[in-house]
Amino acid sequence: MCKHVLNAQVSVRSPCCRKWFDCPECHAESETHPLKKALEMTFACKKCKKCFRKDATEFEDADEYCPHCDNHYILEAVTPKAALRVEGEDARMDARMLKDERVKPTKPTMNQISIFDPDADVDKLG
């Protein structure tokens, strides 16, 4: 799993050490030698798990798809971005803090109405 490109669809076999990597940054982190450039690249599709070769000199629009399963593997790379967030519990375990927009809000019952609700007594204030 690549931490540099979050939506990597293929793994690329490096021509220098014959190991599989998701991106050139992964190769640079794990190996001590520089990445050797080659015109013919070997890919492994992550969807159908089959390998195929592509010639970089004659790369066309049709070559952006896996020849076995038609998975579109040339996508705009989604990279992780730094963000400040409020840390909380795992939402998959406890989803009480999340609001579901698909559910229509219900009218409050007597137990849910606060005595400090100013909208209920707007006409009585004076």
N, C-alpha and C. Protein backbone atom coordinates (compact mmCIF):
# COMPACT_ATOMS: atom_id res chain seq x y z
N MET A 1 0.85 -1.17 0.00
CA MET A 1 0.00 0.00 0.00
C MET A 1 0.89 1.23 0.00
N CYS A 2 0.65 2.11 -0.93
CA CYS A 2 1.48 3.30 -1.10
C CYS A 2 0.96 4.43 -0.21
N LYS A 3 1.86 5.10 0.47
CA LYS A 3 1.45 6.25 1.28
C LYS A 3 1.60 7.56 0.53
N HIS A 4 2.18 7.52 -0.67
CA HIS A 4 2.38 8.73 -1.47
C HIS A 4 1.23 8.96 -2.45
N VAL A 5 0.76 7.90 -3.09
CA VAL A 5 -0.35 7.98 -4.04
C VAL A 5 -1.47 7.09 -3.48
N LEU A 6 -2.55 7.70 -3.02
CA LEU A 6 -3.59 6.95 -2.33
C LEU A 6 -4.48 6.13 -3.26
N ASN A 7 -4.56 6.50 -4.53
CA ASN A 7 -5.42 5.78 -5.46
C ASN A 7 -4.62 5.04 -6.52
N ALA A 8 -3.50 4.45 -6.15
CA ALA A 8 -2.66 3.73 -7.11
C ALA A 8 -3.41 2.49 -7.61
N GLN A 9 -3.52 2.36 -8.92
CA GLN A 9 -4.27 1.25 -9.52
C GLN A 9 -3.37 0.13 -10.00
N VAL A 10 -2.07 0.40 -10.18
CA VAL A 10 -1.12 -0.61 -10.64
C VAL A 10 0.16 -0.53 -9.81
N SER A 11 0.89 -1.63 -9.80
CA SER A 11 2.25 -1.64 -9.28
C SER A 11 3.20 -1.71 -10.46
N VAL A 12 4.35 -1.07 -10.34
CA VAL A 12 5.32 -1.02 -11.41
C VAL A 12 6.55 -1.80 -10.98
N ARG A 13 7.05 -2.64 -11.88
CA ARG A 13 8.26 -3.40 -11.59
C ARG A 13 9.46 -2.56 -11.99
N SER A 14 10.34 -2.32 -11.04
CA SER A 14 11.50 -1.48 -11.33
C SER A 14 12.51 -2.29 -12.15
N PRO A 15 13.08 -1.70 -13.19
CA PRO A 15 14.02 -2.43 -14.04
C PRO A 15 15.38 -2.65 -13.38
N CYS A 16 15.70 -1.90 -12.34
CA CYS A 16 17.02 -2.01 -11.74
C CYS A 16 17.11 -3.19 -10.76
N CYS A 17 16.13 -3.36 -9.90
CA CYS A 17 16.21 -4.42 -8.89
C CYS A 17 15.12 -5.48 -9.04
N ARG A 18 14.25 -5.34 -10.04
CA ARG A 18 13.20 -6.30 -10.32
C ARG A 18 12.22 -6.50 -9.15
N LYS A 19 11.96 -5.43 -8.40
CA LYS A 19 10.99 -5.47 -7.30
C LYS A 19 9.79 -4.61 -7.69
N TRP A 20 8.64 -4.89 -7.05
CA TRP A 20 7.40 -4.18 -7.36
C TRP A 20 7.22 -3.00 -6.41
N PHE A 21 6.86 -1.84 -6.97
CA PHE A 21 6.60 -0.64 -6.20
C PHE A 21 5.38 0.07 -6.76
N ASP A 22 4.70 0.82 -5.89
CA ASP A 22 3.52 1.57 -6.32
C ASP A 22 3.88 2.92 -6.93
N CYS A 23 5.01 3.49 -6.53
CA CYS A 23 5.43 4.79 -7.06
C CYS A 23 6.94 4.92 -6.92
N PRO A 24 7.55 5.89 -7.60
CA PRO A 24 9.00 6.07 -7.49
C PRO A 24 9.46 6.46 -6.09
N GLU A 25 8.62 7.16 -5.33
CA GLU A 25 8.99 7.53 -3.96
C GLU A 25 9.11 6.30 -3.06
N CYS A 26 8.27 5.30 -3.28
CA CYS A 26 8.37 4.05 -2.50
C CYS A 26 9.69 3.35 -2.80
N HIS A 27 10.12 3.38 -4.06
CA HIS A 27 11.40 2.78 -4.43
C HIS A 27 12.55 3.53 -3.77
N ALA A 28 12.49 4.85 -3.75
CA ALA A 28 13.55 5.65 -3.15
C ALA A 28 13.66 5.44 -1.65
N GLU A 29 12.52 5.20 -0.98
CA GLU A 29 12.54 4.98 0.46
C GLU A 29 13.11 3.62 0.84
N SER A 30 12.83 2.60 0.05
CA SER A 30 13.21 1.24 0.46
C SER A 30 14.52 0.76 -0.14
N GLU A 31 15.00 1.40 -1.20
CA GLU A 31 16.24 0.95 -1.85
C GLU A 31 17.33 2.01 -1.72
N THR A 32 18.58 1.57 -1.82
CA THR A 32 19.71 2.49 -1.69
C THR A 32 20.20 3.00 -3.04
N HIS A 33 19.80 2.37 -4.13
CA HIS A 33 20.26 2.78 -5.46
C HIS A 33 19.20 3.63 -6.14
N PRO A 34 19.58 4.45 -7.12
CA PRO A 34 18.58 5.26 -7.85
C PRO A 34 17.76 4.39 -8.81
N LEU A 35 16.58 4.86 -9.12
CA LEU A 35 15.68 4.14 -10.02
C LEU A 35 16.19 4.23 -11.45
N LYS A 36 16.38 3.09 -12.08
CA LYS A 36 16.85 3.05 -13.47
C LYS A 36 15.66 3.28 -14.39
N LYS A 37 15.85 4.11 -15.41
CA LYS A 37 14.78 4.41 -16.35
C LYS A 37 14.83 3.43 -17.51
N ALA A 38 13.65 3.02 -17.97
CA ALA A 38 13.55 2.10 -19.09
C ALA A 38 12.36 2.51 -19.96
N LEU A 39 12.40 2.13 -21.24
CA LEU A 39 11.31 2.46 -22.15
C LEU A 39 10.16 1.47 -22.06
N GLU A 40 10.45 0.23 -21.70
CA GLU A 40 9.39 -0.76 -21.53
C GLU A 40 9.15 -0.98 -20.05
N MET A 41 7.90 -0.79 -19.65
CA MET A 41 7.55 -0.91 -18.23
C MET A 41 6.64 -2.12 -18.04
N THR A 42 6.80 -2.78 -16.89
CA THR A 42 5.97 -3.91 -16.53
C THR A 42 5.05 -3.49 -15.39
N PHE A 43 3.75 -3.68 -15.59
CA PHE A 43 2.74 -3.29 -14.62
C PHE A 43 2.04 -4.53 -14.08
N ALA A 44 1.49 -4.40 -12.87
CA ALA A 44 0.61 -5.42 -12.30
C ALA A 44 -0.66 -4.71 -11.86
N CYS A 45 -1.77 -5.09 -12.46
CA CYS A 45 -3.06 -4.47 -12.15
C CYS A 45 -3.50 -4.92 -10.76
N LYS A 46 -3.93 -3.98 -9.93
CA LYS A 46 -4.37 -4.32 -8.59
C LYS A 46 -5.81 -4.83 -8.56
N LYS A 47 -6.53 -4.65 -9.65
CA LYS A 47 -7.92 -5.13 -9.69
C LYS A 47 -7.98 -6.60 -10.08
N CYS A 48 -7.32 -6.97 -11.19
CA CYS A 48 -7.41 -8.36 -11.67
C CYS A 48 -6.15 -9.17 -11.33
N LYS A 49 -5.13 -8.52 -10.77
CA LYS A 49 -3.89 -9.19 -10.33
C LYS A 49 -3.12 -9.81 -11.49
N LYS A 50 -3.22 -9.25 -12.69
CA LYS A 50 -2.49 -9.77 -13.84
C LYS A 50 -1.45 -8.75 -14.28
N CYS A 51 -0.35 -9.26 -14.82
CA CYS A 51 0.76 -8.40 -15.25
C CYS A 51 0.69 -8.16 -16.75
N PHE A 52 1.20 -7.00 -17.15
CA PHE A 52 1.26 -6.66 -18.57
C PHE A 52 2.38 -5.66 -18.78
N ARG A 53 2.85 -5.56 -20.02
CA ARG A 53 3.94 -4.66 -20.38
C ARG A 53 3.42 -3.56 -21.30
N LYS A 54 4.02 -2.39 -21.16
CA LYS A 54 3.69 -1.26 -22.01
C LYS A 54 4.98 -0.61 -22.48
N ASP A 55 5.01 -0.22 -23.75
CA ASP A 55 6.15 0.48 -24.32
C ASP A 55 5.90 1.98 -24.17
N ALA A 56 6.80 2.67 -23.49
CA ALA A 56 6.60 4.10 -23.20
C ALA A 56 6.82 4.97 -24.43
N THR A 57 7.48 4.47 -25.46
CA THR A 57 7.72 5.29 -26.65
C THR A 57 6.46 5.48 -27.47
N GLU A 58 5.57 4.51 -27.49
CA GLU A 58 4.32 4.61 -28.25
C GLU A 58 3.12 4.42 -27.32
N PHE A 59 2.99 5.33 -26.37
CA PHE A 59 1.91 5.27 -25.38
C PHE A 59 0.72 6.06 -25.90
N GLU A 60 -0.45 5.42 -26.01
CA GLU A 60 -1.66 6.06 -26.55
C GLU A 60 -2.73 6.13 -25.47
N ASP A 61 -3.86 6.75 -25.81
CA ASP A 61 -4.97 6.85 -24.87
C ASP A 61 -5.54 5.48 -24.51
N ALA A 62 -5.50 4.54 -25.44
CA ALA A 62 -6.01 3.20 -25.16
C ALA A 62 -5.11 2.44 -24.19
N ASP A 63 -3.88 2.89 -24.04
CA ASP A 63 -2.95 2.23 -23.13
C ASP A 63 -3.16 2.65 -21.68
N GLU A 64 -4.13 3.48 -21.40
CA GLU A 64 -4.42 3.89 -20.03
C GLU A 64 -5.29 2.88 -19.30
N TYR A 65 -5.63 1.77 -19.96
CA TYR A 65 -6.51 0.77 -19.38
C TYR A 65 -5.79 -0.57 -19.31
N CYS A 66 -6.13 -1.36 -18.31
CA CYS A 66 -5.58 -2.71 -18.20
C CYS A 66 -6.11 -3.54 -19.37
N PRO A 67 -5.23 -4.28 -20.08
CA PRO A 67 -5.72 -5.07 -21.22
C PRO A 67 -6.55 -6.28 -20.81
N HIS A 68 -6.53 -6.65 -19.54
CA HIS A 68 -7.27 -7.83 -19.08
C HIS A 68 -8.65 -7.50 -18.53
N CYS A 69 -8.74 -6.42 -17.75
CA CYS A 69 -10.02 -6.11 -17.09
C CYS A 69 -10.55 -4.71 -17.39
N ASP A 70 -9.87 -3.94 -18.23
CA ASP A 70 -10.26 -2.58 -18.60
C ASP A 70 -10.32 -1.62 -17.41
N ASN A 71 -9.52 -1.87 -16.38
CA ASN A 71 -9.41 -0.96 -15.25
C ASN A 71 -8.62 0.27 -15.69
N HIS A 72 -9.17 1.45 -15.47
CA HIS A 72 -8.48 2.69 -15.85
C HIS A 72 -7.43 2.98 -14.79
N TYR A 73 -6.16 2.75 -15.12
CA TYR A 73 -5.11 2.86 -14.12
C TYR A 73 -4.34 4.17 -14.18
N ILE A 74 -4.56 4.99 -15.17
CA ILE A 74 -3.91 6.31 -15.19
C ILE A 74 -4.96 7.31 -14.74
N LEU A 75 -4.87 7.68 -13.48
CA LEU A 75 -5.78 8.62 -12.85
C LEU A 75 -4.99 9.79 -12.30
N GLU A 76 -5.68 10.86 -12.00
CA GLU A 76 -5.03 11.97 -11.28
C GLU A 76 -4.69 11.47 -9.89
N ALA A 77 -3.43 11.58 -9.50
CA ALA A 77 -2.98 11.02 -8.23
C ALA A 77 -3.59 11.77 -7.06
N VAL A 78 -4.13 11.04 -6.11
CA VAL A 78 -4.63 11.61 -4.87
C VAL A 78 -3.54 11.44 -3.83
N THR A 79 -3.00 12.55 -3.37
CA THR A 79 -1.92 12.50 -2.39
C THR A 79 -2.44 12.94 -1.04
N PRO A 80 -1.88 12.43 0.05
CA PRO A 80 -2.35 12.84 1.37
C PRO A 80 -2.03 14.32 1.63
N LYS A 81 -2.96 15.00 2.29
CA LYS A 81 -2.80 16.42 2.59
C LYS A 81 -2.83 16.61 4.11
N ALA A 82 -2.02 17.54 4.57
CA ALA A 82 -2.02 17.86 5.99
C ALA A 82 -3.29 18.62 6.33
N ALA A 83 -3.91 18.25 7.43
CA ALA A 83 -5.16 18.90 7.83
C ALA A 83 -5.27 18.91 9.35
N LEU A 84 -5.89 19.96 9.86
CA LEU A 84 -6.17 20.03 11.29
C LEU A 84 -7.60 19.56 11.50
N ARG A 85 -7.75 18.60 12.36
CA ARG A 85 -9.08 18.06 12.62
C ARG A 85 -9.28 17.89 14.12
N VAL A 86 -10.52 17.85 14.51
CA VAL A 86 -10.85 17.56 15.89
C VAL A 86 -10.82 16.05 16.05
N GLU A 87 -10.00 15.60 16.97
CA GLU A 87 -9.90 14.16 17.17
C GLU A 87 -11.06 13.69 18.02
N GLY A 88 -11.60 12.58 17.66
CA GLY A 88 -12.69 11.99 18.41
C GLY A 88 -12.59 10.49 18.35
N GLU A 89 -13.62 9.86 18.79
CA GLU A 89 -13.66 8.41 18.73
C GLU A 89 -13.81 7.97 17.28
N ASP A 90 -13.59 6.72 17.04
CA ASP A 90 -13.72 6.16 15.70
C ASP A 90 -15.19 6.19 15.30
N ALA A 91 -15.50 6.86 14.20
CA ALA A 91 -16.89 7.03 13.77
C ALA A 91 -17.50 5.72 13.33
N ARG A 92 -16.66 4.74 12.96
CA ARG A 92 -17.22 3.45 12.57
C ARG A 92 -17.76 2.69 13.77
N MET A 93 -17.22 2.97 14.96
CA MET A 93 -17.68 2.30 16.18
C MET A 93 -18.86 3.02 16.83
N ASP A 94 -18.77 4.35 16.87
CA ASP A 94 -19.78 5.14 17.54
C ASP A 94 -20.14 6.32 16.64
N ALA A 95 -21.26 6.24 15.95
CA ALA A 95 -21.64 7.26 14.97
C ALA A 95 -22.68 8.22 15.53
N ARG A 96 -22.74 8.38 16.85
CA ARG A 96 -23.74 9.28 17.42
C ARG A 96 -23.44 10.74 17.14
N MET A 97 -22.16 11.08 16.90
CA MET A 97 -21.80 12.47 16.64
C MET A 97 -22.06 12.87 15.20
N LEU A 98 -22.25 11.92 14.31
CA LEU A 98 -22.43 12.22 12.90
C LEU A 98 -23.90 12.47 12.59
N LYS A 99 -24.14 13.43 11.73
CA LYS A 99 -25.51 13.75 11.33
C LYS A 99 -25.74 13.17 9.95
N ASP A 100 -26.82 12.46 9.79
CA ASP A 100 -27.16 11.87 8.50
C ASP A 100 -28.10 12.82 7.78
N GLU A 101 -27.66 13.35 6.62
CA GLU A 101 -28.47 14.31 5.89
C GLU A 101 -29.67 13.67 5.22
N ARG A 102 -29.67 12.35 5.09
CA ARG A 102 -30.78 11.67 4.43
C ARG A 102 -32.01 11.58 5.32
N VAL A 103 -31.83 11.69 6.64
CA VAL A 103 -32.93 11.57 7.58
C VAL A 103 -33.55 12.95 7.77
N LYS A 104 -34.88 13.02 7.60
CA LYS A 104 -35.57 14.29 7.79
C LYS A 104 -35.66 14.59 9.28
N PRO A 105 -35.46 15.85 9.65
CA PRO A 105 -35.55 16.19 11.08
C PRO A 105 -37.00 16.07 11.55
N THR A 106 -37.16 15.56 12.75
CA THR A 106 -38.50 15.40 13.33
C THR A 106 -38.82 16.60 14.20
N LYS A 107 -40.10 16.81 14.45
CA LYS A 107 -40.51 17.90 15.33
C LYS A 107 -40.17 17.51 16.77
N PRO A 108 -39.69 18.47 17.54
CA PRO A 108 -39.31 18.13 18.92
C PRO A 108 -40.53 17.79 19.76
N THR A 109 -40.37 16.82 20.63
CA THR A 109 -41.44 16.44 21.56
C THR A 109 -41.29 17.28 22.82
N MET A 110 -42.18 17.09 23.77
CA MET A 110 -42.15 17.86 25.01
C MET A 110 -40.86 17.60 25.80
N ASN A 111 -40.33 16.38 25.70
CA ASN A 111 -39.10 16.07 26.44
C ASN A 111 -37.88 16.72 25.80
N GLN A 112 -37.96 17.07 24.51
CA GLN A 112 -36.82 17.64 23.82
C GLN A 112 -36.84 19.17 23.81
N ILE A 113 -37.96 19.79 24.20
CA ILE A 113 -38.06 21.24 24.19
C ILE A 113 -37.40 21.78 25.45
N SER A 114 -36.57 22.80 25.25
CA SER A 114 -35.87 23.41 26.37
C SER A 114 -36.67 24.58 26.89
N ILE A 115 -36.52 24.87 28.17
CA ILE A 115 -37.20 26.04 28.72
C ILE A 115 -36.48 27.32 28.29
N PHE A 116 -35.29 27.16 27.75
CA PHE A 116 -34.52 28.32 27.31
C PHE A 116 -34.62 28.53 25.81
N ASP A 117 -35.65 27.98 25.17
CA ASP A 117 -35.83 28.13 23.73
C ASP A 117 -36.52 29.47 23.47
N PRO A 118 -35.85 30.46 22.91
CA PRO A 118 -36.49 31.78 22.74
C PRO A 118 -37.49 31.79 21.59
N ASP A 119 -37.39 30.84 20.64
CA ASP A 119 -38.32 30.87 19.50
C ASP A 119 -39.75 30.56 19.93
N ALA A 120 -39.93 29.78 20.95
CA ALA A 120 -41.28 29.39 21.37
C ALA A 120 -42.03 30.57 21.99
N ASP A 121 -41.31 31.47 22.62
CA ASP A 121 -41.96 32.58 23.35
C ASP A 121 -41.61 33.94 22.76
N VAL A 122 -41.45 34.03 21.45
CA VAL A 122 -41.08 35.28 20.81
C VAL A 122 -42.20 36.30 20.98
N ASP A 123 -43.45 35.90 20.83
CA ASP A 123 -44.55 36.85 20.92
C ASP A 123 -44.85 37.25 22.35
N LYS A 124 -44.37 36.50 23.37
CA LYS A 124 -44.64 36.82 24.78
C LYS A 124 -43.59 37.72 25.38
N LEU A 125 -42.45 37.84 24.71
CA LEU A 125 -41.42 38.71 25.24
C LEU A 125 -41.79 40.17 24.98
N GLY A 126 -41.49 41.04 25.93
CA GLY A 126 -41.90 42.38 25.60
C GLY A 126 -41.40 43.38 26.46
